Amino acid sequence: MLAEASDWLHRRSGSAADWPVETLLGLKGSTTVSVVLPARDEQDTVGTIVSAIRRDLVERAPLVDEIVVIDSRSADDTAAVAAAAGAKVFAQDSILPKLPSLSGKGEALWKSLAVTTGDLVVFVDADLLNFSSTFVTGLLGPLLSDPSVSYVKACYDRPYNGAEESFAGGGRVTELVARPLLNLHWPKLAGIVQPLGGEYAGRRALLERLPFVTGYGVELGLLLDAYELVGLDGLAQVDLGVREHSHQPTDVLAAMSAQILQAAWSRLDRHGLMMPLSAPAPTLTQFRRDAQGYLPSDRDATVGERPPMIEIEDYVLTAR
């Protein structure tokens, strides 16, 4: 690890336990906080998460000003469950309706900036199990206490199917794709423990200046673009303990990996770190076996992207 990365790791890493609610309330002042959950078919978990945040950080302690769920075309009762638990719920396609609709998690995250008002925005995945409101307070700590910090990533242990390991790794795509990419091309970011984790927070002033990849590469894209804009010292990470959620099959992880590689490719190009001779192919070919042998199957791994929200005219709509 580079000396700069090692130094950052020790200076800019903390723990959720460092930030009790009482301390954060003393630091909050007039700063407003939005918590956003992008959700698609998460009726079994979204209500529990929203209820915990509302109970602990709205009713017991006035730290969070709004809880917003962006329903990303759910086929189940995600929207109704989230609303019953106390969230403001917006259908993804109802936000900025004059723009062509795109798909993916990043689209939901990007559109959330148009319907939230907080000076600080905390993003939390809606499929978490055994959720604790310390996920929110931990991410807010560096932002409320240090004006030089603009973007905070969560880190945590991610046991696979309940297995506990001494190796504090990320998910399979993190370890096999994202971490090697960072070490190869952005070695000063080698201290980021969970580059693809779905829990992070930022200042609106920064988030509205960032483009959002619409698909699975959104977390890596945000991290790399935030690093480009605010530098290493503008980033921090907080240990939230253990993160439990559902796991995806390998063929889906391959599609995630393809989009993450394309997001990284575009940042290498945009940040002047390479001289591209051709555009990446957007098709991922995978194989299945039948009685005749291996059958190729093509999956579209195209990466869409939304521009920084600040560039969108008339984006003040609906909830504003």
C-alpha atoms as a PDB file:
ATOM      1  CA  MET A   1       0.000   0.000   0.000  1.00  0.00           C
ATOM      2  CA  LEU A   2       1.253   3.472  -0.853  1.00  0.00           C
ATOM      3  CA  ALA A   3       2.283   5.669   2.063  1.00  0.00           C
ATOM      4  CA  GLU A   4      -0.501   8.146   1.185  1.00  0.00           C
ATOM      5  CA  ALA A   5      -3.110   5.390   1.274  1.00  0.00           C
ATOM      6  CA  SER A   6      -1.814   4.017   4.559  1.00  0.00           C
ATOM      7  CA  ASP A   7      -1.791   7.472   6.112  1.00  0.00           C
ATOM      8  CA  TRP A   8      -5.363   8.123   4.935  1.00  0.00           C
ATOM      9  CA  LEU A   9      -6.510   4.758   6.266  1.00  0.00           C
ATOM     10  CA  HIS A  10      -5.346   5.651   9.770  1.00  0.00           C
ATOM     11  CA  ARG A  11      -6.461   9.303   9.740  1.00  0.00           C
ATOM     12  CA  ARG A  12      -9.788   9.063   7.957  1.00  0.00           C
ATOM     13  CA  SER A  13     -11.169   5.755   9.260  1.00  0.00           C
ATOM     14  CA  GLY A  14     -13.482   5.609  12.232  1.00  0.00           C
ATOM     15  CA  SER A  15     -16.194   3.535  13.856  1.00  0.00           C
ATOM     16  CA  ALA A  16     -19.923   4.050  14.287  1.00  0.00           C
ATOM     17  CA  ALA A  17     -19.324   3.872  18.049  1.00  0.00           C
ATOM     18  CA  ASP A  18     -17.363   7.128  17.789  1.00  0.00           C
ATOM     19  CA  TRP A  19     -20.588   8.979  17.006  1.00  0.00           C
ATOM     20  CA  PRO A  20     -23.364   8.572  19.597  1.00  0.00           C
ATOM     21  CA  VAL A  21     -26.629  10.293  18.730  1.00  0.00           C
ATOM     22  CA  GLU A  22     -26.199  12.892  21.493  1.00  0.00           C
ATOM     23  CA  THR A  23     -22.886  14.009  20.028  1.00  0.00           C
ATOM     24  CA  LEU A  24     -24.356  14.301  16.543  1.00  0.00           C
ATOM     25  CA  LEU A  25     -27.312  16.335  17.790  1.00  0.00           C
ATOM     26  CA  GLY A  26     -24.848  18.784  19.303  1.00  0.00           C
ATOM     27  CA  LEU A  27     -23.080  19.081  15.951  1.00  0.00           C
ATOM     28  CA  LYS A  28     -26.181  19.195  13.733  1.00  0.00           C
ATOM     29  CA  GLY A  29     -27.161  22.826  14.229  1.00  0.00           C
ATOM     30  CA  SER A  30     -29.194  23.951  11.210  1.00  0.00           C
ATOM     31  CA  THR A  31     -27.822  21.203   8.949  1.00  0.00           C
ATOM     32  CA  THR A  32     -30.596  19.099   7.426  1.00  0.00           C
ATOM     33  CA  VAL A  33     -30.320  15.351   6.787  1.00  0.00           C
ATOM     34  CA  SER A  34     -32.057  13.133   4.247  1.00  0.00           C
ATOM     35  CA  VAL A  35     -31.888   9.332   4.286  1.00  0.00           C
ATOM     36  CA  VAL A  36     -32.557   7.631   0.945  1.00  0.00           C
ATOM     37  CA  LEU A  37     -33.356   3.966   0.318  1.00  0.00           C
ATOM     38  CA  PRO A  38     -33.439   2.823  -3.320  1.00  0.00           C
ATOM     39  CA  ALA A  39     -35.728  -0.201  -3.364  1.00  0.00           C
ATOM     40  CA  ARG A  40     -36.944  -2.787  -5.837  1.00  0.00           C
ATOM     41  CA  ASP A  41     -39.023  -5.707  -4.601  1.00  0.00           C
ATOM     42  CA  GLU A  42     -37.833  -5.329  -1.003  1.00  0.00           C
ATOM     43  CA  GLN A  43     -41.155  -5.612   0.843  1.00  0.00           C
ATOM     44  CA  ASP A  44     -39.662  -8.041   3.369  1.00  0.00           C
ATOM     45  CA  THR A  45     -36.941  -5.676   4.630  1.00  0.00           C
ATOM     46  CA  VAL A  46     -37.682  -2.061   3.700  1.00  0.00           C
ATOM     47  CA  GLY A  47     -40.328  -1.529   6.381  1.00  0.00           C
ATOM     48  CA  THR A  48     -38.060  -2.705   9.193  1.00  0.00           C
ATOM     49  CA  ILE A  49     -35.267  -0.372   8.063  1.00  0.00           C
ATOM     50  CA  VAL A  50     -37.532   2.659   7.690  1.00  0.00           C
ATOM     51  CA  SER A  51     -39.181   1.971  11.059  1.00  0.00           C
ATOM     52  CA  ALA A  52     -35.821   1.751  12.846  1.00  0.00           C
ATOM     53  CA  ILE A  53     -34.597   5.037  11.379  1.00  0.00           C
ATOM     54  CA  ARG A  54     -37.854   6.791  12.155  1.00  0.00           C
ATOM     55  CA  ARG A  55     -38.017   5.462  15.724  1.00  0.00           C
ATOM     56  CA  ASP A  56     -34.396   6.158  16.647  1.00  0.00           C
ATOM     57  CA  LEU A  57     -33.460   9.201  14.581  1.00  0.00           C
ATOM     58  CA  VAL A  58     -36.717  11.082  14.042  1.00  0.00           C
ATOM     59  CA  GLU A  59     -38.954  10.409  17.041  1.00  0.00           C
ATOM     60  CA  ARG A  60     -36.439   9.704  19.835  1.00  0.00           C
ATOM     61  CA  ALA A  61     -33.798  12.106  18.538  1.00  0.00           C
ATOM     62  CA  PRO A  62     -34.457  14.752  15.841  1.00  0.00           C
ATOM     63  CA  LEU A  63     -31.385  13.967  13.754  1.00  0.00           C
ATOM     64  CA  VAL A  64     -32.923  12.893  10.432  1.00  0.00           C
ATOM     65  CA  ASP A  65     -35.257  15.355   8.704  1.00  0.00           C
ATOM     66  CA  GLU A  66     -36.675  13.070   6.016  1.00  0.00           C
ATOM     67  CA  ILE A  67     -36.691   9.407   5.033  1.00  0.00           C
ATOM     68  CA  VAL A  68     -37.233   8.852   1.319  1.00  0.00           C
ATOM     69  CA  VAL A  69     -37.740   5.562  -0.518  1.00  0.00           C
ATOM     70  CA  ILE A  70     -37.331   5.544  -4.282  1.00  0.00           C
ATOM     71  CA  ASP A  71     -39.425   2.652  -5.557  1.00  0.00           C
ATOM     72  CA  SER A  72     -37.646   1.286  -8.607  1.00  0.00           C
ATOM     73  CA  ARG A  73     -40.522  -0.420 -10.453  1.00  0.00           C
ATOM     74  CA  SER A  74     -41.274  -2.945  -7.731  1.00  0.00           C
ATOM     75  CA  ALA A  75     -43.705  -5.743  -8.549  1.00  0.00           C
ATOM     76  CA  ASP A  76     -44.454  -6.375  -4.868  1.00  0.00           C
ATOM     77  CA  ASP A  77     -45.719  -4.183  -1.993  1.00  0.00           C
ATOM     78  CA  THR A  78     -42.445  -2.337  -1.391  1.00  0.00           C
ATOM     79  CA  ALA A  79     -44.020   1.107  -1.820  1.00  0.00           C
ATOM     80  CA  ALA A  80     -46.971   0.422   0.470  1.00  0.00           C
ATOM     81  CA  VAL A  81     -44.811  -1.155   3.176  1.00  0.00           C
ATOM     82  CA  ALA A  82     -42.341   1.749   3.096  1.00  0.00           C
ATOM     83  CA  ALA A  83     -45.108   4.339   3.286  1.00  0.00           C
ATOM     84  CA  ALA A  84     -46.791   2.546   6.188  1.00  0.00           C
ATOM     85  CA  ALA A  85     -43.469   2.582   8.049  1.00  0.00           C
ATOM     86  CA  GLY A  86     -43.236   6.356   7.704  1.00  0.00           C
ATOM     87  CA  ALA A  87     -41.169   7.036   4.577  1.00  0.00           C
ATOM     88  CA  LYS A  88     -41.930   9.435   1.765  1.00  0.00           C
ATOM     89  CA  VAL A  89     -42.216   7.157  -1.262  1.00  0.00           C
ATOM     90  CA  PHE A  90     -41.614   8.209  -4.851  1.00  0.00           C
ATOM     91  CA  ALA A  91     -41.952   6.049  -7.933  1.00  0.00           C
ATOM     92  CA  GLN A  92     -38.683   6.287  -9.835  1.00  0.00           C
ATOM     93  CA  ASP A  93     -40.343   7.033 -13.172  1.00  0.00           C
ATOM     94  CA  SER A  94     -42.489   9.838 -11.723  1.00  0.00           C
ATOM     95  CA  ILE A  95     -39.409  11.942 -10.950  1.00  0.00           C
ATOM     96  CA  LEU A  96     -38.168  14.265 -13.702  1.00  0.00           C
ATOM     97  CA  PRO A  97     -40.805  12.843 -16.064  1.00  0.00           C
ATOM     98  CA  LYS A  98     -39.669  14.996 -19.021  1.00  0.00           C
ATOM     99  CA  LEU A  99     -36.435  13.003 -19.209  1.00  0.00           C
ATOM    100  CA  PRO A 100     -36.282   9.588 -20.899  1.00  0.00           C
ATOM    101  CA  SER A 101     -36.554   6.841 -18.279  1.00  0.00           C
ATOM    102  CA  LEU A 102     -33.466   4.761 -17.619  1.00  0.00           C
ATOM    103  CA  SER A 103     -33.087   1.636 -15.510  1.00  0.00           C
ATOM    104  CA  GLY A 104     -30.883   0.607 -12.619  1.00  0.00           C
ATOM    105  CA  LYS A 105     -29.997   1.451  -9.061  1.00  0.00           C
ATOM    106  CA  GLY A 106     -27.967   4.480 -10.057  1.00  0.00           C
ATOM    107  CA  GLU A 107     -31.018   5.983 -11.745  1.00  0.00           C
ATOM    108  CA  ALA A 108     -32.963   5.756  -8.468  1.00  0.00           C
ATOM    109  CA  LEU A 109     -30.095   7.306  -6.502  1.00  0.00           C
ATOM    110  CA  TRP A 110     -29.658  10.147  -8.987  1.00  0.00           C
ATOM    111  CA  LYS A 111     -33.363  10.950  -9.065  1.00  0.00           C
ATOM    112  CA  SER A 112     -33.481  11.007  -5.263  1.00  0.00           C
ATOM    113  CA  LEU A 113     -31.507  14.259  -5.379  1.00  0.00           C
ATOM    114  CA  ALA A 114     -34.479  15.896  -7.110  1.00  0.00           C
ATOM    115  CA  VAL A 115     -36.972  14.983  -4.368  1.00  0.00           C
ATOM    116  CA  THR A 116     -34.891  15.384  -1.219  1.00  0.00           C
ATOM    117  CA  THR A 117     -33.863  18.579   0.507  1.00  0.00           C
ATOM    118  CA  GLY A 118     -31.174  17.614   3.029  1.00  0.00           C
ATOM    119  CA  ASP A 119     -27.784  19.323   3.129  1.00  0.00           C
ATOM    120  CA  LEU A 120     -26.422  15.843   3.855  1.00  0.00           C
ATOM    121  CA  VAL A 121     -27.741  12.753   2.073  1.00  0.00           C
ATOM    122  CA  VAL A 122     -27.291   9.238   3.449  1.00  0.00           C
ATOM    123  CA  PHE A 123     -27.849   6.267   1.125  1.00  0.00           C
ATOM    124  CA  VAL A 124     -28.829   2.897   2.610  1.00  0.00           C
ATOM    125  CA  ASP A 125     -29.687  -0.280   0.689  1.00  0.00           C
ATOM    126  CA  ALA A 126     -33.200  -1.591   1.305  1.00  0.00           C
ATOM    127  CA  ASP A 127     -32.312  -5.297   1.524  1.00  0.00           C
ATOM    128  CA  LEU A 128     -30.292  -5.218   4.750  1.00  0.00           C
ATOM    129  CA  LEU A 129     -30.944  -7.777   7.450  1.00  0.00           C
ATOM    130  CA  ASN A 130     -30.486  -7.034  11.179  1.00  0.00           C
ATOM    131  CA  PHE A 131     -30.352  -3.322  10.384  1.00  0.00           C
ATOM    132  CA  SER A 132     -29.253  -0.817  13.024  1.00  0.00           C
ATOM    133  CA  SER A 133     -29.716   2.947  12.935  1.00  0.00           C
ATOM    134  CA  THR A 134     -25.992   3.201  13.722  1.00  0.00           C
ATOM    135  CA  PHE A 135     -25.538   2.686   9.976  1.00  0.00           C
ATOM    136  CA  VAL A 136     -26.912   6.203   9.565  1.00  0.00           C
ATOM    137  CA  THR A 137     -25.277   7.850  12.574  1.00  0.00           C
ATOM    138  CA  GLY A 138     -21.877   6.387  11.733  1.00  0.00           C
ATOM    139  CA  LEU A 139     -21.946   7.828   8.227  1.00  0.00           C
ATOM    140  CA  LEU A 140     -23.074  11.240   9.478  1.00  0.00           C
ATOM    141  CA  GLY A 141     -20.296  11.544  12.064  1.00  0.00           C
ATOM    142  CA  PRO A 142     -17.411  12.663   9.807  1.00  0.00           C
ATOM    143  CA  LEU A 143     -19.665  14.989   7.797  1.00  0.00           C
ATOM    144  CA  LEU A 144     -21.105  16.779  10.827  1.00  0.00           C
ATOM    145  CA  SER A 145     -17.784  17.031  12.670  1.00  0.00           C
ATOM    146  CA  ASP A 146     -15.358  17.930   9.883  1.00  0.00           C
ATOM    147  CA  PRO A 147     -16.227  20.424   7.127  1.00  0.00           C
ATOM    148  CA  SER A 148     -13.301  19.186   5.018  1.00  0.00           C
ATOM    149  CA  VAL A 149     -14.963  15.761   4.591  1.00  0.00           C
ATOM    150  CA  SER A 150     -17.449  15.623   1.714  1.00  0.00           C
ATOM    151  CA  TYR A 151     -18.034  11.910   1.111  1.00  0.00           C
ATOM    152  CA  VAL A 152     -18.132   8.983   3.549  1.00  0.00           C
ATOM    153  CA  LYS A 153     -18.088   5.279   2.706  1.00  0.00           C
ATOM    154  CA  ALA A 154     -19.206   2.542   5.072  1.00  0.00           C
ATOM    155  CA  CYS A 155     -17.029  -0.463   5.719  1.00  0.00           C
ATOM    156  CA  TYR A 156     -18.086  -3.681   7.399  1.00  0.00           C
ATOM    157  CA  ASP A 157     -17.657  -7.429   7.464  1.00  0.00           C
ATOM    158  CA  ARG A 158     -19.841  -9.217   4.938  1.00  0.00           C
ATOM    159  CA  PRO A 159     -20.258 -12.874   5.946  1.00  0.00           C
ATOM    160  CA  TYR A 160     -21.170 -15.072   2.999  1.00  0.00           C
ATOM    161  CA  ASN A 161     -24.148 -17.308   3.788  1.00  0.00           C
ATOM    162  CA  GLY A 162     -23.523 -16.903   7.508  1.00  0.00           C
ATOM    163  CA  ALA A 163     -19.861 -17.946   7.377  1.00  0.00           C
ATOM    164  CA  GLU A 164     -17.462 -15.987   9.556  1.00  0.00           C
ATOM    165  CA  GLU A 165     -13.912 -15.490   8.337  1.00  0.00           C
ATOM    166  CA  SER A 166     -10.920 -13.696   9.767  1.00  0.00           C
ATOM    167  CA  PHE A 167     -10.383 -12.245   6.301  1.00  0.00           C
ATOM    168  CA  ALA A 168     -12.228  -8.916   6.350  1.00  0.00           C
ATOM    169  CA  GLY A 169     -13.086  -8.903   2.693  1.00  0.00           C
ATOM    170  CA  GLY A 170     -15.850  -7.428   0.660  1.00  0.00           C
ATOM    171  CA  GLY A 171     -18.250  -9.278  -1.572  1.00  0.00           C
ATOM    172  CA  ARG A 172     -17.117 -11.494  -4.411  1.00  0.00           C
ATOM    173  CA  VAL A 173     -17.251  -8.710  -7.019  1.00  0.00           C
ATOM    174  CA  THR A 174     -15.352  -6.391  -4.683  1.00  0.00           C
ATOM    175  CA  GLU A 175     -12.499  -8.821  -4.171  1.00  0.00           C
ATOM    176  CA  LEU A 176     -12.292 -10.144  -7.726  1.00  0.00           C
ATOM    177  CA  VAL A 177     -12.969  -6.959  -9.699  1.00  0.00           C
ATOM    178  CA  ALA A 178     -13.168  -3.659  -7.822  1.00  0.00           C
ATOM    179  CA  ARG A 179     -10.229  -3.978  -5.444  1.00  0.00           C
ATOM    180  CA  PRO A 180      -7.764  -5.080  -8.139  1.00  0.00           C
ATOM    181  CA  LEU A 181      -8.940  -2.159 -10.307  1.00  0.00           C
ATOM    182  CA  LEU A 182      -8.353   0.355  -7.517  1.00  0.00           C
ATOM    183  CA  ASN A 183      -4.922  -1.010  -6.687  1.00  0.00           C
ATOM    184  CA  LEU A 184      -3.921  -0.973 -10.353  1.00  0.00           C
ATOM    185  CA  HIS A 185      -5.186   2.426 -11.396  1.00  0.00           C
ATOM    186  CA  TRP A 186      -6.109   4.402  -8.270  1.00  0.00           C
ATOM    187  CA  PRO A 187      -3.590   3.092  -5.695  1.00  0.00           C
ATOM    188  CA  LYS A 188      -4.200   6.000  -3.312  1.00  0.00           C
ATOM    189  CA  LEU A 189      -7.705   4.566  -2.828  1.00  0.00           C
ATOM    190  CA  ALA A 190      -6.358   1.184  -1.718  1.00  0.00           C
ATOM    191  CA  GLY A 191      -7.427   1.975   1.858  1.00  0.00           C
ATOM    192  CA  ILE A 192     -11.118   1.884   0.908  1.00  0.00           C
ATOM    193  CA  VAL A 193     -12.361  -1.331   2.513  1.00  0.00           C
ATOM    194  CA  GLN A 194     -15.755  -1.543   0.772  1.00  0.00           C
ATOM    195  CA  PRO A 195     -15.641   0.394  -2.518  1.00  0.00           C
ATOM    196  CA  LEU A 196     -18.893  -1.179  -3.748  1.00  0.00           C
ATOM    197  CA  GLY A 197     -20.841  -1.060  -0.469  1.00  0.00           C
ATOM    198  CA  GLY A 198     -24.318   0.423  -0.750  1.00  0.00           C
ATOM    199  CA  GLU A 199     -24.105   2.563   2.391  1.00  0.00           C
ATOM    200  CA  TYR A 200     -22.474   5.977   2.001  1.00  0.00           C
ATOM    201  CA  ALA A 201     -23.214   9.638   2.586  1.00  0.00           C
ATOM    202  CA  GLY A 202     -22.243  12.953   1.077  1.00  0.00           C
ATOM    203  CA  ARG A 203     -22.796  16.655   1.061  1.00  0.00           C
ATOM    204  CA  ARG A 204     -25.448  17.724  -1.416  1.00  0.00           C
ATOM    205  CA  ALA A 205     -23.026  20.350  -2.699  1.00  0.00           C
ATOM    206  CA  LEU A 206     -20.792  17.497  -3.889  1.00  0.00           C
ATOM    207  CA  LEU A 207     -23.422  14.932  -4.889  1.00  0.00           C
ATOM    208  CA  GLU A 208     -25.127  17.345  -7.270  1.00  0.00           C
ATOM    209  CA  ARG A 209     -21.802  17.815  -9.073  1.00  0.00           C
ATOM    210  CA  LEU A 210     -21.300  14.086  -9.671  1.00  0.00           C
ATOM    211  CA  PRO A 211     -22.517  12.061 -12.670  1.00  0.00           C
ATOM    212  CA  PHE A 212     -24.360   8.864 -11.734  1.00  0.00           C
ATOM    213  CA  VAL A 213     -23.850   5.601 -13.587  1.00  0.00           C
ATOM    214  CA  THR A 214     -27.353   4.166 -13.842  1.00  0.00           C
ATOM    215  CA  GLY A 215     -26.430   0.501 -13.360  1.00  0.00           C
ATOM    216  CA  TYR A 216     -24.307  -1.578 -11.014  1.00  0.00           C
ATOM    217  CA  GLY A 217     -21.228   0.604 -11.442  1.00  0.00           C
ATOM    218  CA  VAL A 218     -22.791   3.530  -9.576  1.00  0.00           C
ATOM    219  CA  GLU A 219     -20.891   3.053  -6.303  1.00  0.00           C
ATOM    220  CA  LEU A 220     -17.506   2.794  -7.989  1.00  0.00           C
ATOM    221  CA  GLY A 221     -18.273   5.719 -10.277  1.00  0.00           C
ATOM    222  CA  LEU A 222     -19.319   7.956  -7.377  1.00  0.00           C
ATOM    223  CA  LEU A 223     -16.209   7.045  -5.394  1.00  0.00           C
ATOM    224  CA  LEU A 224     -13.845   7.747  -8.280  1.00  0.00           C
ATOM    225  CA  ASP A 225     -15.544  10.998  -9.268  1.00  0.00           C
ATOM    226  CA  ALA A 226     -15.702  12.225  -5.667  1.00  0.00           C
ATOM    227  CA  TYR A 227     -11.988  11.470  -5.335  1.00  0.00           C
ATOM    228  CA  GLU A 228     -11.334  13.432  -8.525  1.00  0.00           C
ATOM    229  CA  LEU A 229     -13.279  16.466  -7.235  1.00  0.00           C
ATOM    230  CA  VAL A 230     -12.395  16.647  -3.529  1.00  0.00           C
ATOM    231  CA  GLY A 231      -9.204  14.603  -3.301  1.00  0.00           C
ATOM    232  CA  LEU A 232      -8.258  11.874  -0.880  1.00  0.00           C
ATOM    233  CA  ASP A 233      -8.663  14.038   2.208  1.00  0.00           C
ATOM    234  CA  GLY A 234     -12.231  14.865   1.219  1.00  0.00           C
ATOM    235  CA  LEU A 235     -13.108  11.190   1.738  1.00  0.00           C
ATOM    236  CA  ALA A 236     -13.585   9.187   4.937  1.00  0.00           C
ATOM    237  CA  GLN A 237     -14.837   5.738   5.928  1.00  0.00           C
ATOM    238  CA  VAL A 238     -16.617   4.404   8.994  1.00  0.00           C
ATOM    239  CA  ASP A 239     -16.738   0.839  10.301  1.00  0.00           C
ATOM    240  CA  LEU A 240     -20.384  -0.167  10.771  1.00  0.00           C
ATOM    241  CA  GLY A 241     -19.685  -3.684  12.025  1.00  0.00           C
ATOM    242  CA  VAL A 242     -21.452  -6.415  10.058  1.00  0.00           C
ATOM    243  CA  ARG A 243     -23.616  -6.106   6.964  1.00  0.00           C
ATOM    244  CA  GLU A 244     -26.020  -8.925   6.169  1.00  0.00           C
ATOM    245  CA  HIS A 245     -28.065  -9.081   2.997  1.00  0.00           C
ATOM    246  CA  SER A 246     -29.178 -11.465   0.274  1.00  0.00           C
ATOM    247  CA  HIS A 247     -26.607 -12.838  -2.179  1.00  0.00           C
ATOM    248  CA  GLN A 248     -26.780 -13.000  -5.960  1.00  0.00           C
ATOM    249  CA  PRO A 249     -25.996 -15.989  -8.208  1.00  0.00           C
ATOM    250  CA  THR A 250     -22.756 -16.021 -10.168  1.00  0.00           C
ATOM    251  CA  ASP A 251     -24.276 -15.176 -13.552  1.00  0.00           C
ATOM    252  CA  VAL A 252     -25.803 -11.982 -12.106  1.00  0.00           C
ATOM    253  CA  LEU A 253     -22.484 -11.100 -10.480  1.00  0.00           C
ATOM    254  CA  ALA A 254     -20.853 -11.422 -13.889  1.00  0.00           C
ATOM    255  CA  ALA A 255     -23.210  -8.775 -15.278  1.00  0.00           C
ATOM    256  CA  MET A 256     -22.417  -6.550 -12.289  1.00  0.00           C
ATOM    257  CA  SER A 257     -18.724  -7.017 -12.937  1.00  0.00           C
ATOM    258  CA  ALA A 258     -19.090  -6.117 -16.610  1.00  0.00           C
ATOM    259  CA  GLN A 259     -20.821  -2.847 -15.736  1.00  0.00           C
ATOM    260  CA  ILE A 260     -18.272  -2.043 -13.031  1.00  0.00           C
ATOM    261  CA  LEU A 261     -15.428  -2.602 -15.499  1.00  0.00           C
ATOM    262  CA  GLN A 262     -17.107  -0.247 -17.967  1.00  0.00           C
ATOM    263  CA  ALA A 263     -17.620   2.386 -15.266  1.00  0.00           C
ATOM    264  CA  ALA A 264     -13.929   2.140 -14.402  1.00  0.00           C
ATOM    265  CA  TRP A 265     -12.971   2.323 -18.091  1.00  0.00           C
ATOM    266  CA  SER A 266     -14.961   5.534 -18.553  1.00  0.00           C
ATOM    267  CA  ARG A 267     -13.280   7.103 -15.496  1.00  0.00           C
ATOM    268  CA  LEU A 268      -9.816   6.133 -16.684  1.00  0.00           C
ATOM    269  CA  ASP A 269     -10.643   7.900 -19.941  1.00  0.00           C
ATOM    270  CA  ARG A 270     -12.350  10.905 -18.339  1.00  0.00           C
ATOM    271  CA  HIS A 271      -9.690  11.454 -15.697  1.00  0.00           C
ATOM    272  CA  GLY A 272      -6.883  11.304 -18.245  1.00  0.00           C
ATOM    273  CA  LEU A 273      -5.386   8.037 -17.002  1.00  0.00           C
ATOM    274  CA  MET A 274      -5.356   6.243 -20.362  1.00  0.00           C
ATOM    275  CA  MET A 275      -5.476   6.782 -24.125  1.00  0.00           C
ATOM    276  CA  PRO A 276      -8.350   4.631 -25.436  1.00  0.00           C
ATOM    277  CA  LEU A 277      -7.966   3.213 -28.931  1.00  0.00           C
ATOM    278  CA  SER A 278     -11.504   1.828 -29.110  1.00  0.00           C
ATOM    279  CA  ALA A 279     -14.726   1.808 -27.124  1.00  0.00           C
ATOM    280  CA  PRO A 280     -15.471  -1.186 -24.876  1.00  0.00           C
ATOM    281  CA  ALA A 281     -17.915  -3.774 -26.204  1.00  0.00           C
ATOM    282  CA  PRO A 282     -21.183  -3.642 -24.206  1.00  0.00           C
ATOM    283  CA  THR A 283     -22.147  -7.301 -24.640  1.00  0.00           C
ATOM    284  CA  LEU A 284     -21.370  -9.998 -22.084  1.00  0.00           C
ATOM    285  CA  THR A 285     -21.486 -13.529 -23.477  1.00  0.00           C
ATOM    286  CA  GLN A 286     -22.195 -16.296 -20.968  1.00  0.00           C
ATOM    287  CA  PHE A 287     -22.742 -20.021 -21.442  1.00  0.00           C
ATOM    288  CA  ARG A 288     -25.232 -22.655 -20.416  1.00  0.00           C
ATOM    289  CA  ARG A 289     -25.085 -26.368 -21.158  1.00  0.00           C
ATOM    290  CA  ASP A 290     -27.849 -28.417 -22.738  1.00  0.00           C
ATOM    291  CA  ALA A 291     -27.948 -31.790 -24.467  1.00  0.00           C
ATOM    292  CA  GLN A 292     -26.159 -30.386 -27.528  1.00  0.00           C
ATOM    293  CA  GLY A 293     -23.326 -28.770 -25.540  1.00  0.00           C
ATOM    294  CA  TYR A 294     -22.579 -25.201 -24.549  1.00  0.00           C
ATOM    295  CA  LEU A 295     -25.072 -22.541 -25.613  1.00  0.00           C
ATOM    296  CA  PRO A 296     -23.904 -18.914 -25.676  1.00  0.00           C
ATOM    297  CA  SER A 297     -26.213 -16.312 -24.219  1.00  0.00           C
ATOM    298  CA  ASP A 298     -25.617 -12.592 -24.701  1.00  0.00           C
ATOM    299  CA  ARG A 299     -26.423 -10.157 -21.924  1.00  0.00           C
ATOM    300  CA  ASP A 300     -26.470  -6.396 -22.518  1.00  0.00           C
ATOM    301  CA  ALA A 301     -24.017  -4.834 -20.052  1.00  0.00           C
ATOM    302  CA  THR A 302     -24.332  -1.302 -21.387  1.00  0.00           C
ATOM    303  CA  VAL A 303     -23.651   1.368 -18.793  1.00  0.00           C
ATOM    304  CA  GLY A 304     -25.907   4.410 -18.915  1.00  0.00           C
ATOM    305  CA  GLU A 305     -25.053   7.625 -17.128  1.00  0.00           C
ATOM    306  CA  ARG A 306     -26.864  10.674 -15.842  1.00  0.00           C
ATOM    307  CA  PRO A 307     -25.066  14.034 -15.802  1.00  0.00           C
ATOM    308  CA  PRO A 308     -24.510  15.955 -12.561  1.00  0.00           C
ATOM    309  CA  MET A 309     -27.901  17.017 -11.194  1.00  0.00           C
ATOM    310  CA  ILE A 310     -26.732  20.601 -11.062  1.00  0.00           C
ATOM    311  CA  GLU A 311     -26.645  20.601 -14.881  1.00  0.00           C
ATOM    312  CA  ILE A 312     -30.294  19.604 -15.246  1.00  0.00           C
ATOM    313  CA  GLU A 313     -32.594  22.522 -16.016  1.00  0.00           C
ATOM    314  CA  ASP A 314     -35.903  22.614 -14.131  1.00  0.00           C
ATOM    315  CA  TYR A 315     -34.857  19.805 -11.825  1.00  0.00           C
ATOM    316  CA  VAL A 316     -36.609  21.569  -8.957  1.00  0.00           C
ATOM    317  CA  LEU A 317     -39.927  19.739  -9.113  1.00  0.00           C
ATOM    318  CA  THR A 318     -42.332  17.462  -7.304  1.00  0.00           C
ATOM    319  CA  ALA A 319     -41.249  17.556  -3.659  1.00  0.00           C
ATOM    320  CA  ARG A 320     -39.399  20.880  -3.831  1.00  0.00           C
END
